[in-house]
């Protein structure tokens, strides 16, 4: 049985990545995102520090083309040592 997708591809798809605030986090996230969405413009990344500054959230809105693309991106982000959570 093939599951019907709840998403119509291609579409703009926001991904929020949370990690500890430290040098290189945003760049590491950008490198992973661009491996899966080569057309993503790093200048479009939105970053927000937590109230106490311990965490940094990075939001990337990519042009998603398939479930496989999103699954691969989520998998690689979740496995990255600097990433705490992916939403």
PDB file of N, CA and C in Angstrom:
ATOM      1  N   UNK A   1       0.832  -1.183   0.000  1.00  0.00           N
ATOM      2  CA  UNK A   1       0.000   0.000   0.000  1.00  0.00           C
ATOM      3  C   UNK A   1       0.879   1.250   0.000  1.00  0.00           C
ATOM      4  N   UNK A   2       0.606   2.166  -0.875  1.00  0.00           N
ATOM      5  CA  UNK A   2       1.353   3.414  -0.966  1.00  0.00           C
ATOM      6  C   UNK A   2       0.599   4.487  -0.195  1.00  0.00           C
ATOM      7  N   UNK A   3       1.326   5.140   0.723  1.00  0.00           N
ATOM      8  CA  UNK A   3       0.709   6.210   1.503  1.00  0.00           C
ATOM      9  C   UNK A   3       0.585   7.467   0.660  1.00  0.00           C
ATOM     10  N   UNK A   4      -0.572   8.102   0.742  1.00  0.00           N
ATOM     11  CA  UNK A   4      -0.751   9.378   0.058  1.00  0.00           C
ATOM     12  C   UNK A   4      -0.030  10.449   0.863  1.00  0.00           C
ATOM     13  N   UNK A   5       0.641  11.331   0.176  1.00  0.00           N
ATOM     14  CA  UNK A   5       1.370  12.398   0.847  1.00  0.00           C
ATOM     15  C   UNK A   5       0.402  13.502   1.261  1.00  0.00           C
ATOM     16  N   UNK A   6       0.644  14.064   2.433  1.00  0.00           N
ATOM     17  CA  UNK A   6      -0.150  15.195   2.899  1.00  0.00           C
ATOM     18  C   UNK A   6       0.397  16.505   2.333  1.00  0.00           C
ATOM     19  N   UNK A   7       1.523  16.405   1.664  1.00  0.00           N
ATOM     20  CA  UNK A   7       2.185  17.578   1.101  1.00  0.00           C
ATOM     21  C   UNK A   7       2.159  17.481  -0.418  1.00  0.00           C
ATOM     22  N   UNK A   8       1.814  18.579  -1.067  1.00  0.00           N
ATOM     23  CA  UNK A   8       1.886  18.646  -2.528  1.00  0.00           C
ATOM     24  C   UNK A   8       3.236  19.214  -2.914  1.00  0.00           C
ATOM     25  N   UNK A   9       4.044  18.398  -3.598  1.00  0.00           N
ATOM     26  CA  UNK A   9       5.384  18.834  -4.013  1.00  0.00           C
ATOM     27  C   UNK A   9       5.320  19.390  -5.419  1.00  0.00           C
ATOM     28  N   UNK A  10       6.198  20.316  -5.766  1.00  0.00           N
ATOM     29  CA  UNK A  10       7.122  21.038  -4.881  1.00  0.00           C
ATOM     30  C   UNK A  10       6.382  22.086  -4.059  1.00  0.00           C
ATOM     31  N   UNK A  11       6.980  22.438  -2.914  1.00  0.00           N
ATOM     32  CA  UNK A  11       6.392  23.459  -2.037  1.00  0.00           C
ATOM     33  C   UNK A  11       7.476  24.069  -1.158  1.00  0.00           C
ATOM     34  N   UNK A  12       7.159  25.240  -0.613  1.00  0.00           N
ATOM     35  CA  UNK A  12       8.059  25.856   0.358  1.00  0.00           C
ATOM     36  C   UNK A  12       7.795  25.190   1.698  1.00  0.00           C
ATOM     37  N   UNK A  13       8.867  24.728   2.358  1.00  0.00           N
ATOM     38  CA  UNK A  13       8.726  23.932   3.575  1.00  0.00           C
ATOM     39  C   UNK A  13       9.672  24.466   4.642  1.00  0.00           C
ATOM     40  N   UNK A  14       9.141  24.981   5.760  1.00  0.00           N
ATOM     41  CA  UNK A  14      10.004  25.505   6.818  1.00  0.00           C
ATOM     42  C   UNK A  14      10.548  24.394   7.715  1.00  0.00           C
ATOM     43  N   UNK A  15      11.811  24.499   8.054  1.00  0.00           N
ATOM     44  CA  UNK A  15      12.457  23.560   8.974  1.00  0.00           C
ATOM     45  C   UNK A  15      13.145  24.390  10.047  1.00  0.00           C
ATOM     46  N   UNK A  16      12.868  24.065  11.314  1.00  0.00           N
ATOM     47  CA  UNK A  16      13.502  24.770  12.427  1.00  0.00           C
ATOM     48  C   UNK A  16      14.483  23.821  13.091  1.00  0.00           C
ATOM     49  N   UNK A  17      15.723  24.278  13.229  1.00  0.00           N
ATOM     50  CA  UNK A  17      16.795  23.470  13.803  1.00  0.00           C
ATOM     51  C   UNK A  17      17.279  24.177  15.065  1.00  0.00           C
ATOM     52  N   UNK A  18      17.323  23.435  16.169  1.00  0.00           N
ATOM     53  CA  UNK A  18      17.724  23.997  17.449  1.00  0.00           C
ATOM     54  C   UNK A  18      19.041  23.368  17.892  1.00  0.00           C
ATOM     55  N   UNK A  19      19.947  24.216  18.344  1.00  0.00           N
ATOM     56  CA  UNK A  19      21.230  23.725  18.840  1.00  0.00           C
ATOM     57  C   UNK A  19      21.768  24.647  19.911  1.00  0.00           C
ATOM     58  N   UNK A  20      22.835  24.221  20.577  1.00  0.00           N
ATOM     59  CA  UNK A  20      23.494  25.078  21.562  1.00  0.00           C
ATOM     60  C   UNK A  20      24.168  26.234  20.830  1.00  0.00           C
ATOM     61  N   UNK A  21      24.115  27.404  21.415  1.00  0.00           N
ATOM     62  CA  UNK A  21      24.756  28.574  20.823  1.00  0.00           C
ATOM     63  C   UNK A  21      26.267  28.382  20.876  1.00  0.00           C
ATOM     64  N   UNK A  22      26.865  28.203  19.720  1.00  0.00           N
ATOM     65  CA  UNK A  22      28.320  28.108  19.647  1.00  0.00           C
ATOM     66  C   UNK A  22      28.781  28.363  18.218  1.00  0.00           C
ATOM     67  N   UNK A  23      30.039  28.733  18.103  1.00  0.00           N
ATOM     68  CA  UNK A  23      30.608  29.077  16.806  1.00  0.00           C
ATOM     69  C   UNK A  23      30.467  27.910  15.838  1.00  0.00           C
ATOM     70  N   UNK A  24      30.041  28.228  14.635  1.00  0.00           N
ATOM     71  CA  UNK A  24      29.974  27.227  13.585  1.00  0.00           C
ATOM     72  C   UNK A  24      28.643  26.509  13.468  1.00  0.00           C
ATOM     73  N   UNK A  25      27.718  26.717  14.412  1.00  0.00           N
ATOM     74  CA  UNK A  25      26.438  26.000  14.365  1.00  0.00           C
ATOM     75  C   UNK A  25      25.635  26.353  13.111  1.00  0.00           C
ATOM     76  N   UNK A  26      25.429  27.649  12.885  1.00  0.00           N
ATOM     77  CA  UNK A  26      24.633  28.072  11.728  1.00  0.00           C
ATOM     78  C   UNK A  26      25.280  27.616  10.418  1.00  0.00           C
ATOM     79  N   UNK A  27      26.592  27.701  10.320  1.00  0.00           N
ATOM     80  CA  UNK A  27      27.301  27.271   9.107  1.00  0.00           C
ATOM     81  C   UNK A  27      27.150  25.765   8.896  1.00  0.00           C
ATOM     82  N   UNK A  28      27.225  24.995   9.977  1.00  0.00           N
ATOM     83  CA  UNK A  28      27.059  23.542   9.868  1.00  0.00           C
ATOM     84  C   UNK A  28      25.657  23.196   9.383  1.00  0.00           C
ATOM     85  N   UNK A  29      24.655  23.888   9.922  1.00  0.00           N
ATOM     86  CA  UNK A  29      23.269  23.674   9.496  1.00  0.00           C
ATOM     87  C   UNK A  29      23.131  24.021   8.017  1.00  0.00           C
ATOM     88  N   UNK A  30      23.677  25.151   7.608  1.00  0.00           N
ATOM     89  CA  UNK A  30      23.596  25.582   6.211  1.00  0.00           C
ATOM     90  C   UNK A  30      24.201  24.544   5.271  1.00  0.00           C
ATOM     91  N   UNK A  31      25.354  23.993   5.632  1.00  0.00           N
ATOM     92  CA  UNK A  31      26.002  22.994   4.784  1.00  0.00           C
ATOM     93  C   UNK A  31      25.127  21.756   4.601  1.00  0.00           C
ATOM     94  N   UNK A  32      24.483  21.307   5.687  1.00  0.00           N
ATOM     95  CA  UNK A  32      23.596  20.133   5.596  1.00  0.00           C
ATOM     96  C   UNK A  32      22.385  20.461   4.731  1.00  0.00           C
ATOM     97  N   UNK A  33      21.768  21.607   4.984  1.00  0.00           N
ATOM     98  CA  UNK A  33      20.572  21.993   4.225  1.00  0.00           C
ATOM     99  C   UNK A  33      20.891  22.093   2.738  1.00  0.00           C
ATOM    100  N   UNK A  34      22.018  22.706   2.392  1.00  0.00           N
ATOM    101  CA  UNK A  34      22.359  22.877   0.977  1.00  0.00           C
ATOM    102  C   UNK A  34      22.735  21.562   0.293  1.00  0.00           C
ATOM    103  N   UNK A  35      23.138  20.560   1.057  1.00  0.00           N
ATOM    104  CA  UNK A  35      23.382  19.244   0.452  1.00  0.00           C
ATOM    105  C   UNK A  35      22.076  18.639  -0.056  1.00  0.00           C
ATOM    106  N   UNK A  36      20.990  18.927   0.647  1.00  0.00           N
ATOM    107  CA  UNK A  36      19.690  18.351   0.290  1.00  0.00           C
ATOM    108  C   UNK A  36      18.820  19.310  -0.520  1.00  0.00           C
ATOM    109  N   UNK A  37      19.090  20.597  -0.407  1.00  0.00           N
ATOM    110  CA  UNK A  37      18.357  21.623  -1.162  1.00  0.00           C
ATOM    111  C   UNK A  37      19.384  22.614  -1.701  1.00  0.00           C
ATOM    112  N   UNK A  38      20.071  22.231  -2.788  1.00  0.00           N
ATOM    113  CA  UNK A  38      21.188  23.043  -3.305  1.00  0.00           C
ATOM    114  C   UNK A  38      20.807  24.477  -3.670  1.00  0.00           C
ATOM    115  N   UNK A  39      19.532  24.723  -3.942  1.00  0.00           N
ATOM    116  CA  UNK A  39      19.109  26.067  -4.325  1.00  0.00           C
ATOM    117  C   UNK A  39      18.783  26.948  -3.119  1.00  0.00           C
ATOM    118  N   UNK A  40      18.937  26.415  -1.891  1.00  0.00           N
ATOM    119  CA  UNK A  40      18.625  27.219  -0.702  1.00  0.00           C
ATOM    120  C   UNK A  40      19.652  28.338  -0.544  1.00  0.00           C
ATOM    121  N   UNK A  41      19.158  29.554  -0.331  1.00  0.00           N
ATOM    122  CA  UNK A  41      20.006  30.737  -0.150  1.00  0.00           C
ATOM    123  C   UNK A  41      20.255  30.951   1.339  1.00  0.00           C
ATOM    124  N   UNK A  42      21.491  30.817   1.752  1.00  0.00           N
ATOM    125  CA  UNK A  42      21.852  30.977   3.151  1.00  0.00           C
ATOM    126  C   UNK A  42      21.465  32.324   3.733  1.00  0.00           C
ATOM    127  N   UNK A  43      21.349  33.346   2.889  1.00  0.00           N
ATOM    128  CA  UNK A  43      20.957  34.678   3.367  1.00  0.00           C
ATOM    129  C   UNK A  43      19.510  34.675   3.872  1.00  0.00           C
ATOM    130  N   UNK A  44      18.749  33.647   3.506  1.00  0.00           N
ATOM    131  CA  UNK A  44      17.344  33.560   3.921  1.00  0.00           C
ATOM    132  C   UNK A  44      17.174  32.870   5.278  1.00  0.00           C
ATOM    133  N   UNK A  45      18.267  32.395   5.866  1.00  0.00           N
ATOM    134  CA  UNK A  45      18.185  31.753   7.179  1.00  0.00           C
ATOM    135  C   UNK A  45      17.759  32.767   8.228  1.00  0.00           C
ATOM    136  N   UNK A  46      16.836  32.340   9.096  1.00  0.00           N
ATOM    137  CA  UNK A  46      16.433  33.184  10.217  1.00  0.00           C
ATOM    138  C   UNK A  46      16.998  32.573  11.487  1.00  0.00           C
ATOM    139  N   UNK A  47      17.644  33.399  12.304  1.00  0.00           N
ATOM    140  CA  UNK A  47      18.246  32.904  13.544  1.00  0.00           C
ATOM    141  C   UNK A  47      17.688  33.666  14.732  1.00  0.00           C
ATOM    142  N   UNK A  48      17.469  32.912  15.815  1.00  0.00           N
ATOM    143  CA  UNK A  48      16.949  33.527  17.026  1.00  0.00           C
ATOM    144  C   UNK A  48      17.560  32.825  18.234  1.00  0.00           C
ATOM    145  N   UNK A  49      18.123  33.627  19.132  1.00  0.00           N
ATOM    146  CA  UNK A  49      18.705  33.083  20.362  1.00  0.00           C
ATOM    147  C   UNK A  49      17.605  32.912  21.405  1.00  0.00           C
ATOM    148  N   UNK A  50      17.786  31.926  22.280  1.00  0.00           N
ATOM    149  CA  UNK A  50      16.849  31.727  23.376  1.00  0.00           C
ATOM    150  C   UNK A  50      16.974  32.889  24.367  1.00  0.00           C
ATOM    151  N   UNK A  51      16.033  32.974  25.272  1.00  0.00           N
ATOM    152  CA  UNK A  51      15.999  34.096  26.224  1.00  0.00           C
ATOM    153  C   UNK A  51      17.315  34.252  26.986  1.00  0.00           C
ATOM    154  N   UNK A  52      17.885  33.144  27.416  1.00  0.00           N
ATOM    155  CA  UNK A  52      19.142  33.210  28.177  1.00  0.00           C
ATOM    156  C   UNK A  52      20.382  33.029  27.292  1.00  0.00           C
ATOM    157  N   UNK A  53      20.165  32.815  25.994  1.00  0.00           N
ATOM    158  CA  UNK A  53      21.286  32.721  25.070  1.00  0.00           C
ATOM    159  C   UNK A  53      21.956  31.366  24.989  1.00  0.00           C
ATOM    160  N   UNK A  54      21.397  30.362  25.656  1.00  0.00           N
ATOM    161  CA  UNK A  54      22.025  29.035  25.650  1.00  0.00           C
ATOM    162  C   UNK A  54      21.799  28.309  24.321  1.00  0.00           C
ATOM    163  N   UNK A  55      20.650  28.557  23.698  1.00  0.00           N
ATOM    164  CA  UNK A  55      20.289  27.871  22.460  1.00  0.00           C
ATOM    165  C   UNK A  55      20.108  28.860  21.318  1.00  0.00           C
ATOM    166  N   UNK A  56      20.288  28.343  20.113  1.00  0.00           N
ATOM    167  CA  UNK A  56      20.061  29.123  18.906  1.00  0.00           C
ATOM    168  C   UNK A  56      19.142  28.320  18.005  1.00  0.00           C
ATOM    169  N   UNK A  57      18.076  28.957  17.531  1.00  0.00           N
ATOM    170  CA  UNK A  57      17.222  28.275  16.563  1.00  0.00           C
ATOM    171  C   UNK A  57      17.471  28.893  15.191  1.00  0.00           C
ATOM    172  N   UNK A  58      17.549  28.012  14.211  1.00  0.00           N
ATOM    173  CA  UNK A  58      17.778  28.425  12.828  1.00  0.00           C
ATOM    174  C   UNK A  58      16.594  27.908  12.016  1.00  0.00           C
ATOM    175  N   UNK A  59      15.917  28.811  11.314  1.00  0.00           N
ATOM    176  CA  UNK A  59      14.795  28.409  10.468  1.00  0.00           C
ATOM    177  C   UNK A  59      15.192  28.575   9.010  1.00  0.00           C
ATOM    178  N   UNK A  60      14.976  27.503   8.247  1.00  0.00           N
ATOM    179  CA  UNK A  60      15.271  27.496   6.821  1.00  0.00           C
ATOM    180  C   UNK A  60      13.993  27.106   6.087  1.00  0.00           C
ATOM    181  N   UNK A  61      13.586  27.915   5.132  1.00  0.00           N
ATOM    182  CA  UNK A  61      12.434  27.562   4.302  1.00  0.00           C
ATOM    183  C   UNK A  61      13.007  27.085   2.966  1.00  0.00           C
ATOM    184  N   UNK A  62      12.910  25.768   2.759  1.00  0.00           N
ATOM    185  CA  UNK A  62      13.475  25.192   1.527  1.00  0.00           C
ATOM    186  C   UNK A  62      12.364  24.936   0.517  1.00  0.00           C
ATOM    187  N   UNK A  63      12.761  24.748  -0.720  1.00  0.00           N
ATOM    188  CA  UNK A  63      11.818  24.323  -1.768  1.00  0.00           C
ATOM    189  C   UNK A  63      11.874  22.802  -1.774  1.00  0.00           C
ATOM    190  N   UNK A  64      10.901  22.179  -1.115  1.00  0.00           N
ATOM    191  CA  UNK A  64      10.867  20.719  -1.001  1.00  0.00           C
ATOM    192  C   UNK A  64      10.325  20.121  -2.293  1.00  0.00           C
ATOM    193  N   UNK A  65      11.027  19.097  -2.782  1.00  0.00           N
ATOM    194  CA  UNK A  65      10.620  18.475  -4.043  1.00  0.00           C
ATOM    195  C   UNK A  65      10.104  17.050  -3.870  1.00  0.00           C
ATOM    196  N   UNK A  66      10.381  16.431  -2.700  1.00  0.00           N
ATOM    197  CA  UNK A  66       9.916  15.053  -2.494  1.00  0.00           C
ATOM    198  C   UNK A  66      10.005  14.671  -1.022  1.00  0.00           C
ATOM    199  N   UNK A  67       9.281  13.637  -0.664  1.00  0.00           N
ATOM    200  CA  UNK A  67       9.350  13.120   0.710  1.00  0.00           C
ATOM    201  C   UNK A  67      10.750  12.568   0.986  1.00  0.00           C
ATOM    202  N   UNK A  68      11.347  11.940  -0.015  1.00  0.00           N
ATOM    203  CA  UNK A  68      12.696  11.392   0.146  1.00  0.00           C
ATOM    204  C   UNK A  68      13.699  12.497   0.483  1.00  0.00           C
ATOM    205  N   UNK A  69      13.558  13.632  -0.182  1.00  0.00           N
ATOM    206  CA  UNK A  69      14.439  14.764   0.092  1.00  0.00           C
ATOM    207  C   UNK A  69      14.289  15.207   1.546  1.00  0.00           C
ATOM    208  N   UNK A  70      13.047  15.378   2.003  1.00  0.00           N
ATOM    209  CA  UNK A  70      12.810  15.819   3.382  1.00  0.00           C
ATOM    210  C   UNK A  70      13.284  14.778   4.392  1.00  0.00           C
ATOM    211  N   UNK A  71      13.019  13.506   4.124  1.00  0.00           N
ATOM    212  CA  UNK A  71      13.453  12.443   5.031  1.00  0.00           C
ATOM    213  C   UNK A  71      14.975  12.442   5.177  1.00  0.00           C
ATOM    214  N   UNK A  72      15.682  12.568   4.070  1.00  0.00           N
ATOM    215  CA  UNK A  72      17.143  12.599   4.100  1.00  0.00           C
ATOM    216  C   UNK A  72      17.671  13.805   4.854  1.00  0.00           C
ATOM    217  N   UNK A  73      17.052  14.954   4.637  1.00  0.00           N
ATOM    218  CA  UNK A  73      17.468  16.177   5.312  1.00  0.00           C
ATOM    219  C   UNK A  73      17.234  16.058   6.817  1.00  0.00           C
ATOM    220  N   UNK A  74      16.046  15.619   7.218  1.00  0.00           N
ATOM    221  CA  UNK A  74      15.752  15.447   8.646  1.00  0.00           C
ATOM    222  C   UNK A  74      16.709  14.448   9.286  1.00  0.00           C
ATOM    223  N   UNK A  75      16.959  13.346   8.606  1.00  0.00           N
ATOM    224  CA  UNK A  75      17.845  12.304   9.140  1.00  0.00           C
ATOM    225  C   UNK A  75      19.249  12.868   9.387  1.00  0.00           C
ATOM    226  N   UNK A  76      19.792  13.576   8.385  1.00  0.00           N
ATOM    227  CA  UNK A  76      21.147  14.104   8.537  1.00  0.00           C
ATOM    228  C   UNK A  76      21.214  15.185   9.612  1.00  0.00           C
ATOM    229  N   UNK A  77      20.204  16.033   9.680  1.00  0.00           N
ATOM    230  CA  UNK A  77      20.186  17.065  10.720  1.00  0.00           C
ATOM    231  C   UNK A  77      20.087  16.445  12.113  1.00  0.00           C
ATOM    232  N   UNK A  78      19.198  15.466  12.271  1.00  0.00           N
ATOM    233  CA  UNK A  78      19.022  14.822  13.587  1.00  0.00           C
ATOM    234  C   UNK A  78      20.275  14.082  14.034  1.00  0.00           C
ATOM    235  N   UNK A  79      21.052  13.575  13.084  1.00  0.00           N
ATOM    236  CA  UNK A  79      22.277  12.840  13.409  1.00  0.00           C
ATOM    237  C   UNK A  79      23.477  13.761  13.666  1.00  0.00           C
ATOM    238  N   UNK A  80      23.332  15.047  13.345  1.00  0.00           N
ATOM    239  CA  UNK A  80      24.458  15.970  13.493  1.00  0.00           C
ATOM    240  C   UNK A  80      24.720  16.224  14.976  1.00  0.00           C
ATOM    241  N   UNK A  81      25.987  16.156  15.406  1.00  0.00           N
ATOM    242  CA  UNK A  81      26.323  16.312  16.824  1.00  0.00           C
ATOM    243  C   UNK A  81      26.001  17.694  17.406  1.00  0.00           C
ATOM    244  N   UNK A  82      25.891  18.729  16.587  1.00  0.00           N
ATOM    245  CA  UNK A  82      25.604  20.058  17.095  1.00  0.00           C
ATOM    246  C   UNK A  82      24.106  20.346  17.229  1.00  0.00           C
ATOM    247  N   UNK A  83      23.287  19.480  16.646  1.00  0.00           N
ATOM    248  CA  UNK A  83      21.842  19.690  16.616  1.00  0.00           C
ATOM    249  C   UNK A  83      21.179  19.021  17.805  1.00  0.00           C
ATOM    250  N   UNK A  84      20.332  19.781  18.508  1.00  0.00           N
ATOM    251  CA  UNK A  84      19.586  19.264  19.646  1.00  0.00           C
ATOM    252  C   UNK A  84      18.215  18.744  19.199  1.00  0.00           C
ATOM    253  N   UNK A  85      17.540  19.494  18.302  1.00  0.00           N
ATOM    254  CA  UNK A  85      16.192  19.144  17.884  1.00  0.00           C
ATOM    255  C   UNK A  85      15.896  19.708  16.506  1.00  0.00           C
ATOM    256  N   UNK A  86      15.060  18.987  15.735  1.00  0.00           N
ATOM    257  CA  UNK A  86      14.630  19.454  14.418  1.00  0.00           C
ATOM    258  C   UNK A  86      13.112  19.416  14.383  1.00  0.00           C
ATOM    259  N   UNK A  87      12.503  20.514  14.011  1.00  0.00           N
ATOM    260  CA  UNK A  87      11.041  20.606  13.921  1.00  0.00           C
ATOM    261  C   UNK A  87      10.625  20.923  12.500  1.00  0.00           C
TER     262      UNK A  87
END
